[in-house]
Amino acid sequence: MAKSEGEYVSVAEAREILGVSKPRMTEMLKDGTLPWEPNPVDRRGKILRRVDVLRLAAKLPKKEAA
């Protein structure tokens, strides 16, 4: 997905927005901190709602979300 203001973002885009590492992102997806849906184009992938990612980014400490 391109870096547009679409409703959904990829896991990589969410990591960039949140400023977190791959292991931290995996943890957030597994523990339900960030809800996700299967990518309809590639069921092996995940997509996240942009609003959920931005909501979490607002709650994270600045050092982690920077």
Protein backbone atom coordinates (compact mmCIF):
# COMPACT_ATOMS: atom_id res chain seq x y z
CA MET A 1 0.00 0.00 0.00
CA ALA A 2 1.33 3.41 -0.92
CA LYS A 3 1.94 6.06 1.71
CA SER A 4 -1.43 7.69 1.20
CA GLU A 5 -4.08 8.57 3.71
CA GLY A 6 -6.01 5.36 3.12
CA GLU A 7 -8.08 3.61 5.75
CA TYR A 8 -5.53 0.82 6.20
CA VAL A 9 -1.75 0.62 6.59
CA SER A 10 0.70 -2.23 6.29
CA VAL A 11 2.63 -3.56 9.28
CA ALA A 12 5.76 -1.82 7.94
CA GLU A 13 3.93 1.52 7.71
CA ALA A 14 2.55 1.08 11.22
CA ARG A 15 6.07 0.38 12.53
CA GLU A 16 7.28 3.57 10.88
CA ILE A 17 4.42 5.65 12.32
CA LEU A 18 4.93 4.20 15.80
CA GLY A 19 8.73 4.16 15.65
CA VAL A 20 8.97 0.66 17.10
CA SER A 21 11.21 -2.31 16.35
CA LYS A 22 10.09 -5.45 14.53
CA PRO A 23 10.06 -7.51 17.76
CA ARG A 24 8.00 -4.84 19.56
CA MET A 25 5.53 -4.67 16.65
CA THR A 26 5.19 -8.46 16.64
CA GLU A 27 4.46 -8.35 20.37
CA MET A 28 1.80 -5.66 19.91
CA LEU A 29 0.09 -7.69 17.17
CA LYS A 30 0.19 -10.91 19.19
CA ASP A 31 -1.07 -9.42 22.45
CA GLY A 32 -3.88 -7.46 20.78
CA THR A 33 -2.49 -4.00 21.51
CA LEU A 34 -2.99 -3.35 17.79
CA PRO A 35 -5.94 -5.07 16.14
CA TRP A 36 -5.30 -6.36 12.63
CA GLU A 37 -7.10 -8.05 9.75
CA PRO A 38 -5.88 -10.46 7.11
CA ASN A 39 -4.83 -8.66 3.93
CA PRO A 40 -7.56 -9.41 1.37
CA VAL A 41 -4.97 -9.41 -1.43
CA ASP A 42 -2.52 -11.72 0.37
CA ARG A 43 -4.06 -13.65 3.28
CA ARG A 44 -0.58 -14.31 4.72
CA GLY A 45 -0.16 -10.59 5.37
CA LYS A 46 -1.79 -8.29 7.88
CA ILE A 47 -3.32 -4.84 7.54
CA LEU A 48 -4.13 -2.41 10.33
CA ARG A 49 -6.63 0.42 10.48
CA ARG A 50 -4.80 3.74 10.27
CA VAL A 51 -7.00 5.23 13.00
CA ASP A 52 -5.96 2.45 15.44
CA VAL A 53 -2.28 3.06 14.70
CA LEU A 54 -2.59 6.83 15.13
CA ARG A 55 -4.57 6.38 18.35
CA LEU A 56 -1.83 4.17 19.78
CA ALA A 57 0.89 6.56 18.58
CA ALA A 58 -0.76 9.35 20.59
CA LYS A 59 -0.62 7.20 23.75
CA LEU A 60 2.99 5.99 23.45
CA PRO A 61 5.78 7.82 25.27
CA LYS A 62 7.57 10.21 22.93
CA LYS A 63 10.85 8.25 23.07
CA GLU A 64 9.07 5.16 21.71
CA ALA A 65 6.73 6.89 19.26
CA ALA A 66 9.27 9.43 17.95
